[in-house]
C-alpha atoms as a PDB file:
ATOM      1  CA  MET A   1     -63.958  81.633  16.477  1.00  0.00           C
ATOM      2  CA  ARG A   2     -65.157  78.155  17.306  1.00  0.00           C
ATOM      3  CA  ARG A   3     -61.763  77.252  18.771  1.00  0.00           C
ATOM      4  CA  LEU A   4     -61.735  80.365  20.976  1.00  0.00           C
ATOM      5  CA  LYS A   5     -65.233  79.546  22.228  1.00  0.00           C
ATOM      6  CA  GLN A   6     -64.252  75.925  22.922  1.00  0.00           C
ATOM      7  CA  ILE A   7     -61.298  77.046  25.050  1.00  0.00           C
ATOM      8  CA  MET A   8     -63.446  79.447  27.070  1.00  0.00           C
ATOM      9  CA  ASP A   9     -66.388  77.028  27.391  1.00  0.00           C
ATOM     10  CA  ALA A  10     -63.993  74.464  28.858  1.00  0.00           C
ATOM     11  CA  GLY A  11     -63.148  76.989  31.575  1.00  0.00           C
ATOM     12  CA  ASN A  12     -59.597  77.435  30.344  1.00  0.00           C
ATOM     13  CA  THR A  13     -57.713  80.693  30.094  1.00  0.00           C
ATOM     14  CA  VAL A  14     -57.021  81.988  26.604  1.00  0.00           C
ATOM     15  CA  THR A  15     -53.438  83.165  26.244  1.00  0.00           C
ATOM     16  CA  GLY A  16     -52.414  85.584  23.561  1.00  0.00           C
ATOM     17  CA  GLY A  17     -49.336  87.107  22.052  1.00  0.00           C
ATOM     18  CA  TRP A  18     -49.398  90.701  20.827  1.00  0.00           C
ATOM     19  CA  SER A  19     -47.698  92.035  17.732  1.00  0.00           C
ATOM     20  CA  PHE A  20     -47.009  95.476  16.363  1.00  0.00           C
ATOM     21  CA  ILE A  21     -44.593  93.993  13.829  1.00  0.00           C
ATOM     22  CA  THR A  22     -45.723  92.764  10.409  1.00  0.00           C
ATOM     23  CA  ASP A  23     -42.790  90.511   9.548  1.00  0.00           C
ATOM     24  CA  PRO A  24     -44.096  86.983   8.769  1.00  0.00           C
ATOM     25  CA  ILE A  25     -41.046  85.256  10.279  1.00  0.00           C
ATOM     26  CA  TYR A  26     -41.524  87.173  13.525  1.00  0.00           C
ATOM     27  CA  LEU A  27     -45.257  86.411  13.567  1.00  0.00           C
ATOM     28  CA  ARG A  28     -44.658  82.704  13.047  1.00  0.00           C
ATOM     29  CA  MET A  29     -42.215  82.752  15.975  1.00  0.00           C
ATOM     30  CA  VAL A  30     -44.806  84.494  18.181  1.00  0.00           C
ATOM     31  CA  ALA A  31     -47.501  82.023  17.117  1.00  0.00           C
ATOM     32  CA  ASN A  32     -45.219  79.107  17.968  1.00  0.00           C
ATOM     33  CA  LEU A  33     -44.528  80.335  21.518  1.00  0.00           C
ATOM     34  CA  GLY A  34     -47.547  78.419  22.800  1.00  0.00           C
ATOM     35  CA  PHE A  35     -50.185  81.148  22.736  1.00  0.00           C
ATOM     36  CA  ASP A  36     -53.769  80.300  21.806  1.00  0.00           C
ATOM     37  CA  ALA A  37     -54.166  83.528  19.842  1.00  0.00           C
ATOM     38  CA  VAL A  38     -52.088  86.330  18.351  1.00  0.00           C
ATOM     39  CA  VAL A  39     -53.341  89.940  18.388  1.00  0.00           C
ATOM     40  CA  LEU A  40     -52.332  92.028  15.381  1.00  0.00           C
ATOM     41  CA  ASP A  41     -52.390  95.688  16.436  1.00  0.00           C
ATOM     42  CA  MET A  42     -53.541  97.973  13.615  1.00  0.00           C
ATOM     43  CA  GLN A  43     -54.174 100.864  16.009  1.00  0.00           C
ATOM     44  CA  HIS A  44     -50.645 101.354  17.320  1.00  0.00           C
ATOM     45  CA  GLY A  45     -48.690  98.869  15.227  1.00  0.00           C
ATOM     46  CA  PHE A  46     -47.372  98.906  11.683  1.00  0.00           C
ATOM     47  CA  PHE A  47     -50.249  96.945  10.141  1.00  0.00           C
ATOM     48  CA  ASN A  48     -52.313  98.143   7.212  1.00  0.00           C
ATOM     49  CA  GLU A  49     -54.933  96.195   5.275  1.00  0.00           C
ATOM     50  CA  ASN A  50     -52.405  94.422   3.065  1.00  0.00           C
ATOM     51  CA  THR A  51     -50.047  93.416   5.847  1.00  0.00           C
ATOM     52  CA  VAL A  52     -52.841  92.398   8.203  1.00  0.00           C
ATOM     53  CA  ARG A  53     -54.355  90.138   5.525  1.00  0.00           C
ATOM     54  CA  ALA A  54     -51.039  88.334   5.052  1.00  0.00           C
ATOM     55  CA  SER A  55     -50.451  88.224   8.808  1.00  0.00           C
ATOM     56  CA  ILE A  56     -53.856  86.674   9.478  1.00  0.00           C
ATOM     57  CA  ALA A  57     -52.944  83.920   7.027  1.00  0.00           C
ATOM     58  CA  THR A  58     -49.606  83.413   8.800  1.00  0.00           C
ATOM     59  CA  VAL A  59     -51.290  83.105  12.211  1.00  0.00           C
ATOM     60  CA  ILE A  60     -53.943  80.710  10.887  1.00  0.00           C
ATOM     61  CA  SER A  61     -51.303  78.566   9.173  1.00  0.00           C
ATOM     62  CA  ALA A  62     -49.579  78.237  12.562  1.00  0.00           C
ATOM     63  CA  GLY A  63     -52.833  76.851  13.976  1.00  0.00           C
ATOM     64  CA  LYS A  64     -53.544  79.885  16.146  1.00  0.00           C
ATOM     65  CA  ILE A  65     -56.480  82.271  16.464  1.00  0.00           C
ATOM     66  CA  PRO A  66     -55.948  85.647  14.749  1.00  0.00           C
ATOM     67  CA  LEU A  67     -57.337  88.633  16.636  1.00  0.00           C
ATOM     68  CA  VAL A  68     -57.065  92.191  15.300  1.00  0.00           C
ATOM     69  CA  ARG A  69     -57.131  95.464  17.186  1.00  0.00           C
ATOM     70  CA  ILE A  70     -58.510  97.938  14.670  1.00  0.00           C
ATOM     71  CA  PRO A  71     -57.886 101.686  14.712  1.00  0.00           C
ATOM     72  CA  LEU A  72     -60.388 103.647  16.803  1.00  0.00           C
ATOM     73  CA  GLY A  73     -63.573 104.349  14.864  1.00  0.00           C
ATOM     74  CA  ARG A  74     -62.523 102.382  11.778  1.00  0.00           C
ATOM     75  CA  TRP A  75     -65.565 100.092  11.538  1.00  0.00           C
ATOM     76  CA  ASP A  76     -64.877  99.662   7.817  1.00  0.00           C
ATOM     77  CA  ALA A  77     -61.542  98.068   8.762  1.00  0.00           C
ATOM     78  CA  ALA A  78     -63.333  95.763  11.203  1.00  0.00           C
ATOM     79  CA  ALA A  79     -65.549  94.396   8.452  1.00  0.00           C
ATOM     80  CA  ARG A  80     -62.587  93.837   6.132  1.00  0.00           C
ATOM     81  CA  VAL A  81     -60.362  92.058   8.647  1.00  0.00           C
ATOM     82  CA  MET A  82     -63.262  89.783   9.582  1.00  0.00           C
ATOM     83  CA  ASP A  83     -63.606  88.978   5.884  1.00  0.00           C
ATOM     84  CA  PHE A  84     -59.890  88.124   5.938  1.00  0.00           C
ATOM     85  CA  GLY A  85     -60.550  85.582   8.721  1.00  0.00           C
ATOM     86  CA  ALA A  86     -59.768  87.451  11.940  1.00  0.00           C
ATOM     87  CA  LEU A  87     -61.730  88.176  15.078  1.00  0.00           C
ATOM     88  CA  VAL A  88     -62.037  91.818  16.059  1.00  0.00           C
END
């Protein structure tokens, strides 16, 4: 979160990739496209708690900010993905 705040505080635009796909090779490719962050879409994508946990680790290991779109009304999922290291 600190990195995201630093980018915005500097007046820069935050760019983000968006993924519905859980494949770690695909996610690493998206993260390496030059985005600041990668959004993992649990609402309309194929992510569940297990795949989003692994995907957050993949995004972090690529040096990018993991953001997660949780399913509507699933505040329990929000707490868990934040525990996994993502921003919601």
